[in-house]
Amino acid sequence: MAGRRGNDRGVRAQVDSGAAELRPDPERRRGWTLLLDGTPQSHVDLDDPTHLEFDYVRRLGHVVDLAAPPRRPMRVLHMGGGAFTLARYVAATRPRSGQQVVELDGALVELVRRELPLDRSWRVRVRTGDAREVVGRLRDAFDLVVLDVFAGARTPAHLVSTEFLEAVAEVLAPTATYAANLTDGGALAFARGQVATLQAVFPHTCLVADPAVLRGRRFGNLLLVGSRNPLPVDLLTARAAGDRSSGRLLHGPELDRFRGGARPVHDAAAAASPLPPAGTFEPGR
């Protein structure tokens, strides 16, 4: 069994979204990387669910840490499952949190559950389905909603519009936080449009990314955060700057300048995020 490190060569399986591989981490006894069609999607350490290997996931971890006082349980909705890395982190750092994970790929869910099982004491419910369709049926009030959905290395068009964010806002508690992991590069036209879209729905917003990504020098992840209430931007700034992969946070007038003349994106004109250049997210890069 992969979760017990019975196969050091890893596990390969065909899932709904492509060829999945669970590759052992040579530096961590029970660490695993999930790849889809050769692109790393998630990293999990079964011995230490608080270990967040990927830069953008650590930034999401900062949002989790600052969304409520330490150790306080939260109601969390994860759109996009992967190997449930962030759900494991929430369960470990905020015991008794109630979490829902929405993942379109049912075969991937089965693979992860079998090979990288969740602790049975964690209150994590996994639902198979499209994120937007599921959100439209929910009646819960979540303290944190995270979007981390990719299909063929792109965020689908129906998950980047004002109409989608308005649906998300309906399931947010009054003091809740929304966070989205997106990717872009070059002129960052997609990211600028997403900032405008976020600002059309949430009065308080910020963006965190690698400085090289913000300067258009390379393709990479951008974390967008929104809320109806003021965000802890000073603390998020310090966390991002102090991370082992230093990030830069934009908010207020600086974020407005980044947005420039971009307009909010509506369903009728929405497009998927740009396809990353070949080799962008290969392991080791």
Protein backbone atom coordinates (compact mmCIF):
# COMPACT_ATOMS: atom_id res chain seq x y z
CA MET A 1 0.00 0.00 0.00
CA ALA A 2 1.46 3.36 -1.01
CA GLY A 3 0.45 5.14 2.18
CA ARG A 4 2.54 2.63 4.16
CA ARG A 5 5.49 3.00 1.82
CA GLY A 6 5.10 -0.56 0.60
CA ASN A 7 6.02 0.47 -2.95
CA ASP A 8 8.94 2.88 -3.12
CA ARG A 9 8.45 3.23 -6.84
CA GLY A 10 5.08 4.84 -6.34
CA VAL A 11 1.63 4.17 -7.72
CA ARG A 12 0.27 4.88 -11.18
CA ALA A 13 -3.38 4.83 -12.18
CA GLN A 14 -5.68 6.16 -14.86
CA VAL A 15 -8.25 8.54 -13.39
CA ASP A 16 -11.03 10.58 -14.96
CA SER A 17 -8.80 13.59 -15.59
CA GLY A 18 -5.75 11.75 -16.94
CA ALA A 19 -2.78 9.70 -15.80
CA ALA A 20 -2.22 9.98 -12.05
CA GLU A 21 1.00 9.14 -10.25
CA LEU A 22 1.81 9.05 -6.56
CA ARG A 23 5.56 9.53 -6.35
CA PRO A 24 7.46 8.99 -3.07
CA ASP A 25 9.40 11.92 -1.63
CA PRO A 26 13.01 10.80 -1.15
CA GLU A 27 13.48 13.31 1.69
CA ARG A 28 10.40 12.38 3.74
CA ARG A 29 9.68 8.88 5.00
CA ARG A 30 5.96 9.06 4.22
CA GLY A 31 5.93 12.01 1.87
CA TRP A 32 4.15 11.74 -1.49
CA THR A 33 3.64 13.95 -4.52
CA LEU A 34 0.53 13.57 -6.63
CA LEU A 35 1.05 14.25 -10.33
CA LEU A 36 -1.57 14.39 -13.08
CA ASP A 37 -0.27 13.93 -16.62
CA GLY A 38 3.21 14.66 -15.26
CA THR A 39 2.27 17.95 -13.53
CA PRO A 40 2.64 18.08 -9.72
CA GLN A 41 -0.76 18.72 -8.12
CA SER A 42 -0.28 18.05 -4.41
CA HIS A 43 2.29 17.04 -1.83
CA VAL A 44 1.36 15.17 1.35
CA ASP A 45 3.40 14.07 4.35
CA LEU A 46 1.36 11.41 6.12
CA ASP A 47 3.55 11.75 9.23
CA ASP A 48 3.20 15.55 9.36
CA PRO A 49 0.06 17.06 7.79
CA THR A 50 1.28 20.53 8.78
CA HIS A 51 4.17 20.27 6.31
CA LEU A 52 3.28 22.27 3.19
CA GLU A 53 5.82 21.66 0.45
CA PHE A 54 4.49 23.83 -2.38
CA ASP A 55 4.96 27.60 -2.12
CA TYR A 56 1.37 28.50 -3.01
CA VAL A 57 -0.02 25.96 -0.53
CA ARG A 58 2.04 27.53 2.27
CA ARG A 59 0.47 30.86 1.33
CA LEU A 60 -2.94 29.25 1.58
CA GLY A 61 -1.80 27.94 4.94
CA HIS A 62 -1.09 31.51 6.02
CA VAL A 63 -4.68 32.41 5.14
CA VAL A 64 -5.93 29.45 7.19
CA ASP A 65 -3.77 30.51 10.14
CA LEU A 66 -5.03 34.10 10.11
CA ALA A 67 -8.69 33.56 9.20
CA ALA A 68 -9.58 32.95 12.88
CA PRO A 69 -7.81 32.83 16.25
CA PRO A 70 -5.36 29.91 16.58
CA ARG A 71 -6.85 26.43 17.09
CA ARG A 72 -10.40 27.68 16.70
CA PRO A 73 -12.43 25.23 14.56
CA MET A 74 -13.70 26.58 11.24
CA ARG A 75 -16.19 25.50 8.60
CA VAL A 76 -14.17 25.19 5.41
CA LEU A 77 -15.14 24.48 1.81
CA HIS A 78 -12.38 23.29 -0.52
CA MET A 79 -13.18 23.46 -4.23
CA GLY A 80 -10.63 21.14 -5.78
CA GLY A 81 -9.38 18.14 -3.85
CA GLY A 82 -6.08 16.82 -5.19
CA ALA A 83 -4.55 14.86 -2.31
CA PHE A 84 -6.49 16.92 0.28
CA THR A 85 -3.31 18.68 1.43
CA LEU A 86 -4.98 21.81 2.80
CA ALA A 87 -7.85 19.87 4.38
CA ARG A 88 -5.27 17.78 6.25
CA TYR A 89 -3.54 20.98 7.38
CA VAL A 90 -6.79 22.49 8.67
CA ALA A 91 -7.67 19.27 10.51
CA ALA A 92 -4.25 19.20 12.19
CA THR A 93 -4.05 22.89 13.11
CA ARG A 94 -7.74 23.46 13.88
CA PRO A 95 -9.14 20.26 15.42
CA ARG A 96 -12.92 19.70 15.19
CA SER A 97 -13.18 21.83 12.06
CA GLY A 98 -15.98 20.76 9.73
CA GLN A 99 -14.74 20.56 6.14
CA GLN A 100 -16.18 19.77 2.75
CA VAL A 101 -13.99 18.94 -0.24
CA VAL A 102 -15.49 19.11 -3.73
CA GLU A 103 -13.59 17.22 -6.43
CA LEU A 104 -14.85 16.50 -9.93
CA ASP A 105 -12.65 13.44 -10.49
CA GLY A 106 -14.25 10.55 -8.63
CA ALA A 107 -11.54 8.07 -9.61
CA LEU A 108 -8.88 10.42 -8.22
CA VAL A 109 -10.80 10.68 -4.95
CA GLU A 110 -10.86 6.88 -4.69
CA LEU A 111 -7.12 6.66 -5.40
CA VAL A 112 -6.20 9.24 -2.77
CA ARG A 113 -8.56 7.77 -0.17
CA ARG A 114 -7.05 4.32 -0.70
CA GLU A 115 -3.37 5.20 -0.91
CA LEU A 116 -3.16 8.34 1.25
CA PRO A 117 -6.02 7.82 3.72
CA LEU A 118 -7.40 10.60 5.86
CA ASP A 119 -7.42 10.24 9.64
CA ARG A 120 -10.82 8.83 10.59
CA SER A 121 -11.14 11.32 13.45
CA TRP A 122 -11.07 14.28 11.04
CA ARG A 123 -14.39 15.80 10.07
CA VAL A 124 -13.73 15.91 6.34
CA ARG A 125 -16.53 15.14 3.89
CA VAL A 126 -15.55 14.58 0.25
CA ARG A 127 -18.15 15.19 -2.45
CA THR A 128 -17.73 14.32 -6.11
CA GLY A 129 -19.03 16.96 -8.49
CA ASP A 130 -18.47 20.25 -10.29
CA ALA A 131 -17.54 23.06 -7.90
CA ARG A 132 -20.02 25.59 -9.26
CA GLU A 133 -22.91 23.14 -9.33
CA VAL A 134 -22.23 22.04 -5.77
CA VAL A 135 -21.92 25.61 -4.49
CA GLY A 136 -25.29 26.40 -6.02
CA ARG A 137 -26.89 23.65 -3.93
CA LEU A 138 -25.20 24.40 -0.61
CA ARG A 139 -27.03 26.08 2.26
CA ASP A 140 -24.11 26.11 4.70
CA ALA A 141 -22.29 29.19 5.97
CA PHE A 142 -18.54 28.66 5.68
CA ASP A 143 -15.78 30.57 7.45
CA LEU A 144 -13.31 29.91 4.63
CA VAL A 145 -13.78 28.93 0.99
CA VAL A 146 -10.76 27.91 -1.10
CA LEU A 147 -10.72 27.58 -4.89
CA ASP A 148 -7.90 25.42 -6.25
CA VAL A 149 -9.36 23.81 -9.35
CA PHE A 150 -7.45 22.95 -12.50
CA ALA A 151 -8.51 21.01 -15.58
CA GLY A 152 -5.66 20.34 -17.95
CA ALA A 153 -3.48 22.82 -15.94
CA ARG A 154 -6.08 25.61 -16.39
CA THR A 155 -8.77 26.98 -14.09
CA PRO A 156 -12.08 26.43 -15.94
CA ALA A 157 -13.89 29.48 -17.32
CA HIS A 158 -17.06 28.95 -15.28
CA LEU A 159 -15.06 29.35 -12.05
CA VAL A 160 -13.57 32.78 -12.80
CA SER A 161 -16.63 35.02 -13.26
CA THR A 162 -18.49 37.50 -11.08
CA GLU A 163 -21.54 35.23 -11.23
CA PHE A 164 -19.51 32.39 -9.75
CA LEU A 165 -18.09 34.61 -6.99
CA GLU A 166 -21.58 35.91 -6.20
CA ALA A 167 -22.69 32.30 -5.73
CA VAL A 168 -19.71 31.69 -3.44
CA ALA A 169 -20.57 34.81 -1.43
CA GLU A 170 -23.98 33.30 -0.71
CA VAL A 171 -22.41 30.45 1.28
CA LEU A 172 -19.95 32.61 3.23
CA ALA A 173 -20.45 33.50 6.87
CA PRO A 174 -20.44 37.28 7.55
CA THR A 175 -16.77 37.34 8.61
CA ALA A 176 -15.59 34.66 6.17
CA THR A 177 -12.61 34.66 3.82
CA TYR A 178 -12.38 33.54 0.19
CA ALA A 179 -9.05 32.47 -1.34
CA ALA A 180 -8.30 31.40 -4.92
CA ASN A 181 -5.16 29.88 -6.36
CA LEU A 182 -4.77 30.89 -10.02
CA THR A 183 -1.90 30.86 -12.50
CA ASP A 184 -0.73 33.36 -15.10
CA GLY A 185 2.39 34.89 -16.61
CA GLY A 186 3.72 37.48 -19.01
CA ALA A 187 1.42 40.49 -19.27
CA LEU A 188 -0.83 38.96 -16.56
CA ALA A 189 -4.02 39.96 -18.36
CA PHE A 190 -5.92 37.05 -16.83
CA ALA A 191 -4.73 37.88 -13.30
CA ARG A 192 -5.64 41.56 -13.68
CA GLY A 193 -9.13 40.60 -14.79
CA GLN A 194 -9.44 38.29 -11.82
CA VAL A 195 -8.47 41.09 -9.44
CA ALA A 196 -11.20 43.26 -10.97
CA THR A 197 -13.67 40.38 -10.63
CA LEU A 198 -12.73 39.80 -7.00
CA GLN A 199 -13.06 43.52 -6.21
CA ALA A 200 -16.52 43.60 -7.79
CA VAL A 201 -17.77 41.12 -5.19
CA PHE A 202 -15.61 41.69 -2.09
CA PRO A 203 -14.84 45.13 -0.60
CA HIS A 204 -11.56 43.92 0.91
CA THR A 205 -9.03 42.17 -1.34
CA CYS A 206 -5.36 41.36 -1.70
CA LEU A 207 -3.04 39.36 -3.94
CA VAL A 208 0.09 37.38 -3.03
CA ALA A 209 2.62 36.04 -5.53
CA ASP A 210 6.29 35.58 -6.22
CA PRO A 211 7.81 38.94 -7.22
CA ALA A 212 9.10 37.44 -10.48
CA VAL A 213 5.55 36.39 -11.38
CA LEU A 214 4.21 39.87 -10.59
CA ARG A 215 6.87 41.38 -12.85
CA GLY A 216 5.86 39.05 -15.67
CA ARG A 217 9.24 37.32 -15.73
CA ARG A 218 7.84 33.84 -15.26
CA PHE A 219 4.59 31.90 -15.20
CA GLY A 220 3.38 30.92 -11.75
CA ASN A 221 0.78 30.91 -9.00
CA LEU A 222 -1.10 33.93 -7.72
CA LEU A 223 -3.20 33.81 -4.56
CA LEU A 224 -6.24 36.11 -4.51
CA VAL A 225 -7.99 36.75 -1.18
CA GLY A 226 -11.29 38.51 -0.57
CA SER A 227 -13.63 39.25 2.32
CA ARG A 228 -16.49 41.49 3.38
CA ASN A 229 -14.35 42.53 6.33
CA PRO A 230 -10.84 43.99 6.57
CA LEU A 231 -8.13 41.42 5.91
CA PRO A 232 -5.05 40.97 8.14
CA VAL A 233 -2.85 42.37 5.38
CA ASP A 234 0.04 43.32 7.67
CA LEU A 235 0.27 39.80 9.05
CA LEU A 236 -0.17 38.24 5.61
CA THR A 237 2.54 40.53 4.25
CA ALA A 238 4.93 39.45 7.00
CA ARG A 239 4.13 35.78 6.47
CA ALA A 240 4.64 36.05 2.71
CA ALA A 241 7.90 37.99 3.02
CA GLY A 242 9.27 35.63 5.66
CA ASP A 243 8.50 32.43 3.80
CA ARG A 244 11.36 30.34 2.42
CA SER A 245 10.11 31.40 -1.02
CA SER A 246 9.52 35.09 -0.41
CA GLY A 247 6.24 36.45 -1.73
CA ARG A 248 4.91 39.94 -2.26
CA LEU A 249 1.45 41.12 -1.17
CA LEU A 250 -0.51 43.81 -3.03
CA HIS A 251 -3.56 45.57 -1.62
CA GLY A 252 -5.25 48.96 -1.64
CA PRO A 253 -3.88 51.49 -4.17
CA GLU A 254 -1.00 49.15 -5.08
CA LEU A 255 -3.46 46.43 -6.06
CA ASP A 256 -5.55 48.98 -7.98
CA ARG A 257 -2.47 49.96 -9.97
CA PHE A 258 -1.79 46.31 -10.71
CA ARG A 259 -5.38 45.87 -11.94
CA GLY A 260 -5.03 48.87 -14.23
CA GLY A 261 -7.92 49.16 -16.67
CA ALA A 262 -9.06 45.53 -16.32
CA ARG A 263 -12.80 45.03 -15.97
CA PRO A 264 -14.71 42.37 -14.02
CA VAL A 265 -15.22 39.13 -15.93
CA HIS A 266 -18.78 37.90 -16.50
CA ASP A 267 -19.96 34.47 -17.62
CA ALA A 268 -20.58 35.59 -21.19
CA ALA A 269 -16.93 36.53 -21.73
CA ALA A 270 -15.16 34.27 -19.23
CA ALA A 271 -12.20 32.21 -20.42
CA ALA A 272 -10.07 29.59 -18.72
CA SER A 273 -6.75 30.64 -17.24
CA PRO A 274 -3.78 30.57 -19.67
CA LEU A 275 -2.11 27.28 -20.47
CA PRO A 276 1.31 27.23 -18.78
CA PRO A 277 4.37 27.00 -21.03
CA ALA A 278 5.70 23.48 -21.47
CA GLY A 279 7.74 22.33 -18.49
CA THR A 280 6.62 25.13 -16.16
CA PHE A 281 5.53 22.87 -13.33
CA GLU A 282 7.79 19.89 -13.91
CA PRO A 283 9.14 18.35 -10.69
CA GLY A 284 12.34 20.02 -9.58
CA ARG A 285 11.68 23.28 -11.35
